Protein backbone atom coordinates (compact mmCIF):
# COMPACT_ATOMS: atom_id res chain seq x y z
CA MET A 1 4.82 -4.06 11.18
CA LEU A 2 8.13 -5.62 12.06
CA ASP A 3 8.62 -8.64 14.31
CA ILE A 4 9.28 -7.42 17.87
CA ASN A 5 11.77 -10.26 18.36
CA PHE A 6 13.72 -9.08 15.32
CA ILE A 7 13.83 -5.54 16.74
CA ARG A 8 15.02 -6.81 20.12
CA ASN A 9 17.82 -8.83 18.53
CA ASN A 10 18.82 -6.29 15.84
CA PRO A 11 18.20 -2.79 17.23
CA ASP A 12 21.13 -1.16 15.41
CA LYS A 13 20.17 -2.70 12.07
CA VAL A 14 16.59 -1.49 12.47
CA LYS A 15 17.75 2.00 13.47
CA GLN A 16 19.99 2.24 10.43
CA ALA A 17 17.14 1.17 8.14
CA ILE A 18 14.85 3.76 9.70
CA VAL A 19 17.42 6.51 9.16
CA LEU A 20 17.79 5.47 5.52
CA LYS A 21 14.02 5.95 5.16
CA HIS A 22 14.20 9.39 6.81
CA GLU A 23 12.19 8.29 9.85
CA ASN A 24 12.85 8.78 13.57
CA ALA A 25 15.22 6.07 14.87
CA ALA A 26 14.80 7.25 18.48
CA SER A 27 11.46 5.44 18.52
CA ILE A 28 13.35 2.13 18.70
CA ASP A 29 14.97 3.03 22.04
CA GLN A 30 11.57 4.09 23.36
CA LEU A 31 9.99 0.87 22.12
CA LEU A 32 12.66 -1.33 23.68
CA GLU A 33 12.37 0.53 27.00
CA VAL A 34 8.59 0.05 27.14
CA ASP A 35 8.97 -3.56 26.00
CA ALA A 36 11.46 -4.23 28.81
CA GLN A 37 9.03 -2.72 31.34
CA ARG A 38 6.24 -4.92 30.01
CA ARG A 39 8.31 -8.09 30.19
CA SER A 40 9.45 -7.25 33.71
CA LEU A 41 5.85 -6.74 34.82
CA ILE A 42 4.81 -10.01 33.17
CA HIS A 43 7.58 -11.80 35.09
CA THR A 44 6.48 -10.21 38.37
CA CYS A 45 2.87 -11.05 37.60
CA GLU A 46 3.70 -14.69 36.95
CA GLN A 47 5.57 -14.90 40.26
CA LEU A 48 2.55 -13.45 42.06
CA LYS A 49 0.25 -15.95 40.35
CA ASN A 50 2.48 -18.79 41.54
CA LYS A 51 2.42 -17.33 45.06
CA ARG A 52 -1.38 -17.03 44.92
CA ASN A 53 -1.64 -20.66 43.84
CA GLU A 54 0.52 -21.70 46.79
CA LYS A 55 -1.69 -19.69 49.17
CA SER A 56 -4.80 -21.26 47.64
CA ARG A 57 -3.39 -24.71 48.31
CA GLU A 58 -2.65 -23.70 51.93
CA VAL A 59 -6.23 -22.52 52.35
CA SER A 60 -7.50 -25.82 50.96
CA GLU A 61 -5.33 -27.83 53.38
CA LEU A 62 -6.38 -25.75 56.40
CA LYS A 63 -10.06 -26.15 55.53
CA LYS A 64 -9.62 -29.90 55.20
CA LYS A 65 -8.24 -29.91 58.76
CA GLY A 66 -11.05 -27.69 59.99
CA GLN A 67 -8.64 -24.89 60.86
CA ASP A 68 -9.09 -21.13 60.45
CA ALA A 69 -7.81 -19.94 57.02
CA SER A 70 -9.08 -16.34 57.17
CA ILE A 71 -5.63 -14.74 57.42
CA ILE A 72 -4.29 -16.63 54.39
CA ILE A 73 -7.52 -15.93 52.48
CA GLU A 74 -6.99 -12.23 53.11
CA GLU A 75 -3.36 -12.51 51.95
CA THR A 76 -4.53 -14.32 48.81
CA LYS A 77 -7.03 -11.56 48.09
CA LYS A 78 -4.33 -8.90 48.40
CA ILE A 79 -2.12 -10.86 45.99
CA GLY A 80 -5.05 -11.01 43.58
CA ASP A 81 -5.45 -7.24 43.79
CA GLU A 82 -1.74 -6.81 43.06
CA ILE A 83 -2.03 -9.09 40.02
CA LYS A 84 -5.00 -7.11 38.73
CA SER A 85 -3.05 -3.86 39.12
CA TYR A 86 -0.05 -5.27 37.26
CA GLU A 87 -2.26 -6.66 34.48
CA GLU A 88 -3.82 -3.24 33.96
CA LYS A 89 -0.35 -1.73 33.68
CA ILE A 90 0.65 -4.45 31.19
CA VAL A 91 -2.39 -3.68 29.02
CA GLY A 92 -1.40 0.00 29.01
CA LEU A 93 2.18 -0.82 28.04
CA GLU A 94 0.98 -3.17 25.29
CA SER A 95 -1.08 -0.32 23.85
CA GLN A 96 2.03 1.91 23.88
CA ILE A 97 4.05 -0.83 22.19
CA ASN A 98 1.44 -1.30 19.49
CA ASN A 99 1.30 2.44 18.79
CA LEU A 100 5.08 2.60 18.52
CA MET A 101 5.26 -0.50 16.33
CA LEU A 102 2.71 0.96 13.90
CA ARG A 103 5.02 3.94 13.34
CA ILE A 104 8.17 1.96 12.56
CA PRO A 105 8.73 1.61 8.79
CA ASN A 106 9.63 -1.54 6.94
CA ILE A 107 13.29 -2.41 6.43
CA PRO A 108 14.63 -2.06 2.87
CA ALA A 109 15.67 -5.27 1.15
CA ALA A 110 19.40 -5.93 0.76
CA ASP A 111 19.52 -4.96 -2.94
CA VAL A 112 17.72 -1.62 -2.53
CA PRO A 113 20.08 1.24 -3.46
CA ILE A 114 20.94 3.62 -0.64
CA GLY A 115 19.96 7.17 -1.45
CA LYS A 116 18.32 10.37 -0.30
CA ASP A 117 15.51 10.98 -2.81
CA GLU A 118 14.27 10.30 -6.36
CA ASN A 119 17.54 11.56 -7.81
CA ASP A 120 19.25 8.47 -6.35
CA ASN A 121 16.85 5.95 -7.93
CA VAL A 122 18.44 3.52 -10.39
CA VAL A 123 17.02 3.01 -13.88
CA VAL A 124 17.10 -0.76 -14.47
CA LYS A 125 15.21 -1.03 -17.74
CA SER A 126 13.96 1.02 -20.69
CA TRP A 127 11.48 -0.01 -23.36
CA GLY A 128 10.37 1.48 -26.66
CA VAL A 129 11.73 4.00 -29.12
CA ARG A 130 11.03 7.65 -28.44
CA LYS A 131 8.64 9.01 -31.05
CA THR A 132 9.83 11.95 -33.12
CA PHE A 133 7.53 14.67 -34.42
CA ASP A 134 7.84 17.06 -37.37
CA PHE A 135 5.91 19.57 -35.25
CA THR A 136 6.01 20.70 -31.65
CA PRO A 137 3.86 18.20 -29.67
CA LEU A 138 1.14 19.76 -27.54
CA PRO A 139 0.64 19.06 -23.85
CA HIS A 140 -2.44 17.06 -22.94
CA TRP A 141 -4.47 19.98 -21.61
CA GLU A 142 -4.25 21.74 -25.00
CA LEU A 143 -5.12 18.51 -26.81
CA GLY A 144 -8.04 17.93 -24.44
CA SER A 145 -9.40 21.39 -25.22
CA LEU A 146 -8.95 21.03 -29.01
CA LEU A 147 -10.66 17.63 -28.99
CA ASN A 148 -13.38 18.75 -26.56
CA ILE A 149 -12.72 15.73 -24.31
CA LEU A 150 -11.34 17.42 -21.18
CA ASP A 151 -12.98 20.27 -19.27
CA LEU A 152 -10.92 21.42 -16.29
CA GLU A 153 -12.77 24.71 -15.84
CA ARG A 154 -16.09 22.98 -15.21
CA SER A 155 -14.55 20.27 -13.02
CA SER A 156 -13.03 23.04 -10.91
CA LYS A 157 -16.45 24.71 -10.69
CA ILE A 158 -18.01 21.44 -9.54
CA SER A 159 -15.39 20.28 -7.03
CA GLY A 160 -12.42 22.67 -6.94
CA SER A 161 -8.93 22.32 -8.34
CA GLY A 162 -7.42 18.86 -8.72
CA PHE A 163 -10.47 17.14 -10.19
CA ILE A 164 -11.20 15.97 -13.74
CA LEU A 165 -14.19 16.14 -16.06
CA LEU A 166 -13.80 13.92 -19.12
CA LYS A 167 -16.36 14.26 -21.93
CA GLY A 168 -17.43 12.26 -24.93
CA LEU A 169 -14.56 10.30 -26.43
CA GLY A 170 -12.36 11.35 -23.50
CA ALA A 171 -14.64 9.46 -21.10
CA LYS A 172 -14.83 6.59 -23.58
CA LEU A 173 -11.01 6.46 -23.80
CA GLU A 174 -10.72 6.31 -20.01
CA ARG A 175 -13.21 3.43 -19.86
CA ALA A 176 -11.54 1.68 -22.79
CA LEU A 177 -8.15 1.78 -21.10
CA PHE A 178 -9.16 0.33 -17.75
CA SER A 179 -11.37 -2.28 -19.44
CA PHE A 180 -8.43 -3.29 -21.64
CA MET A 181 -6.18 -3.54 -18.57
CA LEU A 182 -8.65 -5.67 -16.61
CA ASP A 183 -9.22 -8.01 -19.54
CA LEU A 184 -5.49 -8.54 -20.04
CA HIS A 185 -4.77 -9.18 -16.36
CA THR A 186 -7.66 -11.62 -15.96
CA SER A 187 -7.38 -13.49 -19.27
CA GLU A 188 -3.59 -13.68 -19.67
CA HIS A 189 -1.98 -12.96 -16.30
CA GLY A 190 -4.18 -15.12 -14.07
CA TYR A 191 -5.70 -12.48 -11.79
CA THR A 192 -9.18 -12.74 -10.27
CA GLU A 193 -11.17 -9.56 -10.84
CA LEU A 194 -12.79 -7.90 -7.84
CA PHE A 195 -15.04 -4.89 -7.38
CA PRO A 196 -14.40 -3.84 -3.77
CA PRO A 197 -15.92 -1.12 -1.55
CA PHE A 198 -14.60 2.41 -2.07
CA LEU A 199 -15.00 3.26 1.63
CA VAL A 200 -13.02 1.33 4.25
CA ASN A 201 -12.73 1.38 8.02
CA ARG A 202 -9.79 2.50 10.12
CA ALA A 203 -8.60 -1.06 10.73
CA SER A 204 -8.24 -1.63 6.99
CA MET A 205 -6.26 1.59 6.48
CA THR A 206 -4.02 0.75 9.43
CA GLY A 207 -3.51 -2.78 8.19
CA THR A 208 -1.98 -1.78 4.86
CA GLY A 209 0.10 1.00 6.40
CA GLN A 210 -1.67 4.21 5.38
CA LEU A 211 -2.52 4.92 9.00
CA PRO A 212 -1.42 6.35 11.28
CA LYS A 213 1.39 7.99 9.30
CA LEU A 214 -0.52 9.26 6.25
CA GLU A 215 -3.89 10.20 7.72
CA GLU A 216 -3.60 13.82 6.61
CA ASP A 217 -3.39 12.65 2.98
CA MET A 218 -6.68 10.76 3.21
CA TYR A 219 -10.29 11.80 2.76
CA ARG A 220 -12.31 10.79 5.82
CA THR A 221 -16.03 10.77 6.56
CA ALA A 222 -16.12 12.04 10.12
CA VAL A 223 -19.52 10.70 11.20
CA ASP A 224 -18.78 7.06 10.32
CA ASP A 225 -14.96 7.23 10.59
CA LEU A 226 -14.64 5.68 7.13
CA PHE A 227 -11.99 6.57 4.57
CA LEU A 228 -12.26 6.99 0.80
CA ILE A 229 -9.70 4.56 -0.55
CA PRO A 230 -6.38 6.00 -1.79
CA THR A 231 -5.88 2.78 -3.81
CA ALA A 232 -7.60 -0.59 -4.27
CA GLU A 233 -4.63 -2.07 -2.39
CA VAL A 234 -6.45 -1.26 0.86
CA PRO A 235 -9.75 -3.15 0.47
CA VAL A 236 -8.24 -5.96 -1.63
CA THR A 237 -5.35 -6.80 0.74
CA ASN A 238 -7.73 -6.68 3.70
CA ILE A 239 -10.01 -9.35 2.21
CA HIS A 240 -8.03 -12.00 4.10
CA ARG A 241 -7.44 -10.05 7.31
CA ASP A 242 -7.40 -12.32 10.39
CA GLU A 243 -7.52 -15.44 8.22
CA ILE A 244 -5.39 -18.56 8.13
CA LEU A 245 -4.85 -19.79 4.57
CA SER A 246 -3.44 -23.11 3.38
CA TYR A 247 -0.21 -23.28 1.42
CA LYS A 248 -2.39 -24.87 -1.28
CA ASP A 249 -4.30 -21.55 -1.60
CA LEU A 250 -1.16 -19.61 -2.47
CA PRO A 251 -0.33 -17.61 -4.44
CA LEU A 252 -3.47 -15.44 -4.70
CA TYR A 253 -3.67 -12.91 -7.55
CA TYR A 254 -6.30 -10.15 -7.45
CA THR A 255 -7.00 -7.20 -9.74
CA ALA A 256 -9.52 -4.41 -9.28
CA TYR A 257 -10.57 -1.19 -10.93
CA THR A 258 -11.47 1.61 -8.51
CA PRO A 259 -11.46 5.35 -8.30
CA CYS A 260 -8.78 6.55 -5.86
CA PHE A 261 -8.92 9.58 -3.57
CA ARG A 262 -5.93 11.48 -2.19
CA ARG A 263 -5.76 14.89 -0.58
CA GLU A 264 -2.11 15.25 -1.64
CA ALA A 265 -1.40 17.19 1.55
CA GLY A 266 1.97 18.90 1.34
CA SER A 267 2.01 18.73 -2.47
CA TYR A 268 0.25 21.98 -3.27
CA GLY A 269 1.91 23.95 -6.05
CA LYS A 270 3.35 20.85 -7.74
CA ASP A 271 2.25 19.89 -11.27
CA THR A 272 -0.66 22.31 -11.24
CA ARG A 273 -1.18 22.32 -15.03
CA GLY A 274 -3.37 19.66 -16.55
CA ILE A 275 -4.19 16.35 -14.87
CA ILE A 276 -0.81 15.15 -13.63
CA ARG A 277 -1.58 15.50 -9.91
CA VAL A 278 -5.23 15.22 -8.93
CA HIS A 279 -7.37 14.33 -5.91
CA GLN A 280 -9.51 11.71 -7.67
CA PHE A 281 -8.30 9.33 -10.35
CA ASN A 282 -8.98 5.86 -11.74
CA LYS A 283 -6.60 2.96 -11.36
CA VAL A 284 -6.37 -0.77 -11.99
CA GLU A 285 -4.54 -2.40 -9.10
CA LEU A 286 -2.69 -5.72 -8.92
CA VAL A 287 -2.36 -7.48 -5.55
CA LYS A 288 -0.54 -10.71 -4.76
CA ILE A 289 -0.53 -12.78 -1.57
CA THR A 290 2.28 -15.35 -1.65
CA LYS A 291 4.59 -17.63 0.26
CA PRO A 292 7.72 -15.88 1.57
CA GLU A 293 10.03 -18.10 -0.50
CA THR A 294 8.52 -16.97 -3.82
CA SER A 295 7.65 -13.35 -3.13
CA TYR A 296 10.55 -11.69 -4.93
CA ASN A 297 10.02 -13.80 -8.04
CA GLU A 298 6.35 -12.86 -7.82
CA LEU A 299 7.31 -9.18 -7.59
CA GLU A 300 9.25 -9.42 -10.85
CA SER A 301 6.28 -11.16 -12.45
CA LEU A 302 3.89 -8.48 -11.20
CA LEU A 303 6.17 -5.80 -12.64
CA GLY A 304 6.12 -7.59 -15.98
CA ASN A 305 2.32 -7.75 -15.91
CA ALA A 306 2.13 -3.97 -15.50
CA GLU A 307 4.76 -3.39 -18.19
CA LYS A 308 2.82 -5.52 -20.68
CA ILE A 309 0.05 -2.92 -20.78
CA LEU A 310 2.45 -0.23 -21.98
CA GLN A 311 4.14 -2.56 -24.44
CA LEU A 312 0.82 -3.44 -26.08
CA LEU A 313 -0.14 0.24 -26.18
CA GLY A 314 3.23 1.05 -27.74
CA LEU A 315 4.15 3.67 -25.14
CA GLU A 316 7.79 4.33 -24.20
CA TYR A 317 8.68 3.80 -20.55
CA ARG A 318 11.48 3.09 -18.11
CA VAL A 319 11.67 1.14 -14.86
CA SER A 320 13.49 2.53 -11.81
CA LYS A 321 14.46 0.72 -8.64
CA LEU A 322 13.68 3.12 -5.81
CA CYS A 323 16.37 4.05 -3.32
CA THR A 324 15.89 3.85 0.43
CA GLY A 325 14.98 7.52 0.77
CA ASP A 326 12.28 7.44 -1.91
CA MET A 327 10.48 4.24 -0.91
CA SER A 328 7.16 4.20 0.88
CA PHE A 329 6.81 3.61 4.62
CA ALA A 330 5.63 0.00 4.15
CA ALA A 331 7.72 -1.20 1.20
CA ALA A 332 10.78 -3.44 1.42
CA LYS A 333 11.50 -3.04 -2.29
CA CYS A 334 9.83 -1.00 -5.00
CA TYR A 335 10.01 -0.43 -8.74
CA ASP A 336 8.48 2.61 -10.42
CA ILE A 337 7.31 2.46 -14.02
CA GLU A 338 7.63 5.87 -15.61
CA ILE A 339 6.01 6.65 -18.94
CA TRP A 340 7.32 9.23 -21.43
CA ALA A 341 4.97 12.15 -22.13
CA PRO A 342 6.30 13.95 -25.25
CA GLY A 343 4.09 17.01 -24.88
CA LEU A 344 5.45 17.60 -21.38
CA GLY A 345 8.94 16.37 -22.28
CA LYS A 346 9.30 14.26 -19.15
CA TYR A 347 8.58 10.90 -17.55
CA LEU A 348 5.49 10.37 -15.40
CA GLU A 349 5.06 7.60 -12.84
CA VAL A 350 2.16 5.30 -13.73
CA SER A 351 2.92 2.38 -11.43
CA SER A 352 4.75 1.53 -8.22
CA CYS A 353 5.28 -2.22 -7.77
CA SER A 354 6.18 -3.01 -4.17
CA ASN A 355 6.99 -6.05 -2.05
CA PHE A 356 6.05 -5.53 1.60
CA GLU A 357 7.30 -8.97 2.68
CA ASP A 358 5.38 -9.80 5.91
CA PHE A 359 5.06 -6.15 7.02
CA GLN A 360 1.38 -5.79 6.07
CA ALA A 361 0.58 -9.40 6.93
CA ARG A 362 1.65 -8.87 10.55
CA ARG A 363 -0.52 -5.75 10.81
CA ILE A 364 -3.61 -7.49 9.44
CA ASN A 365 -2.76 -10.99 10.67
CA ILE A 366 -2.82 -12.98 7.43
CA ARG A 367 -1.11 -16.33 7.97
CA PHE A 368 -0.88 -19.64 6.18
CA ARG A 369 -0.25 -23.19 7.30
CA ASP A 370 2.75 -24.53 5.40
CA GLU A 371 3.45 -28.05 4.17
CA ASN A 372 4.67 -29.02 7.66
CA GLY A 373 1.64 -27.60 9.41
CA LYS A 374 3.52 -24.57 10.75
CA LEU A 375 1.75 -21.21 10.90
CA ARG A 376 3.63 -18.46 9.07
CA PHE A 377 2.89 -14.97 7.82
CA VAL A 378 2.29 -14.53 4.09
CA HIS A 379 4.06 -11.93 1.95
CA THR A 380 2.01 -9.26 0.21
CA MET A 381 2.78 -7.08 -2.80
CA ASN A 382 0.95 -4.80 -5.16
CA GLY A 383 1.35 -2.50 -8.11
CA SER A 384 -0.69 -0.31 -10.42
CA GLY A 385 -1.59 -2.02 -13.61
CA LEU A 386 -1.95 0.87 -14.49
CA ALA A 387 -2.85 4.26 -13.04
CA LEU A 388 -4.93 6.76 -14.94
CA PRO A 389 -4.92 9.64 -15.85
CA ARG A 390 -1.16 9.72 -16.41
CA THR A 391 -1.49 6.85 -18.87
CA VAL A 392 -4.07 9.00 -20.69
CA ILE A 393 -1.63 11.92 -20.69
CA ALA A 394 1.13 9.90 -22.36
CA PHE A 395 -1.37 8.24 -24.70
CA LEU A 396 -2.78 11.54 -26.00
CA GLU A 397 0.62 13.20 -26.27
CA THR A 398 2.25 10.20 -27.99
CA TYR A 399 -0.47 9.52 -30.57
CA GLN A 400 -1.25 13.14 -31.43
CA GLN A 401 -1.05 14.33 -35.04
CA LYS A 402 -0.17 17.73 -36.42
CA ASP A 403 -3.82 18.85 -36.56
CA GLY A 404 -4.32 17.89 -32.89
CA SER A 405 -6.24 14.68 -33.58
CA VAL A 406 -5.20 11.50 -31.77
CA VAL A 407 -4.77 8.08 -33.39
CA ILE A 408 -6.17 5.02 -31.58
CA PRO A 409 -3.77 2.02 -31.85
CA ASN A 410 -5.20 -1.27 -33.09
CA VAL A 411 -5.12 -2.96 -29.68
CA LEU A 412 -7.59 -0.41 -28.27
CA GLN A 413 -9.92 0.13 -31.24
CA SER A 414 -12.40 -2.61 -30.29
CA TYR A 415 -12.73 -1.03 -26.83
CA MET A 416 -13.41 2.31 -28.54
CA GLY A 417 -16.26 0.87 -30.61
CA GLY A 418 -14.13 0.76 -33.74
CA ILE A 419 -13.08 4.39 -33.56
CA LYS A 420 -9.63 4.85 -35.08
CA VAL A 421 -9.08 8.58 -34.55
CA ILE A 422 -10.26 11.14 -32.01
CA ALA A 423 -10.70 14.11 -34.31
CA CYS A 424 -10.78 17.80 -33.50
CA LYS A 425 -14.24 19.29 -33.13
């Protein structure tokens, strides 16, 4: 969440940022009104406490003199009742403030392009040479059927639409890819590998910004009020919730493989063919917890770590800087990595690398003590490194041959047990 002092001092700036993110700016006026009521009540309450202290001293003096203090005692009691009433009202207002604060999005960084939607994103980098074919490349669902590695009919029978059943070398390819990613990030990029819970509590989901705004997109277990994670960002970032770190601990780099679960509410009818948009998918996540002064350099480094996967796999991609209207609720700045899928003839997003600045840290109360002993909020960021199955889509479609078989590049062959080609059955 944002700093309430910043909102008080910069209401117009915050409103403008909210509008650029297509959120409701009227919430700021409501927040400031409730905040003013709270501060007024706190002032009144403090005055009453001072008055009660004065009355208590009067009672003490009267008793020392052996005089009757019953009238002043009664007045003191009434003041105490007033204080209790005001304190109850303050608690109610603080709850309102917290609920309003949780619904205010992060402010875009100064260099984020202003725009309405994905059409206003800015491509900042491209990598690789687009592969040419002397045949018409097949989409991944046709390749998956020819190779007998993807069975969408049976996955639909098991769970419904939007789920995946990989078989044989398809399952092995999935495992090979995320194992390759984890090994690279841990051995060369300095990340500590984690294997976190796949179910998290409401506080964790609220802390990273999925709740309350995105609850309809999440899978929830009603009895225990636990959520299936939409990304490893949630459990990994919450590891240090309510902790005070030392500046010597920072930066922290974490990576984790997890399945991810998303209802995709509001997205029905989009990308219904194949495995582009699904409810369960695998992903390797990168999370950084850093000092504020270094966070934007760390974001660029994180982006490069994700890009390295695609470079080693030899897959063409581009990087876009997201505009204000296409960024997530919690992000201050975000890059999307989009991979070229020749069978589909379009780019697919395989990673979003975001800096949240101190937005998440304030929600989950992660602070550090700096070199001068001052307590400050950390900055958090994350990105996919990378997301499957869209990486699988581009991989199959890029390395397909005329007969429908798929070549395994050298960098992945050891993870595939030496297999060099996935051949048609």
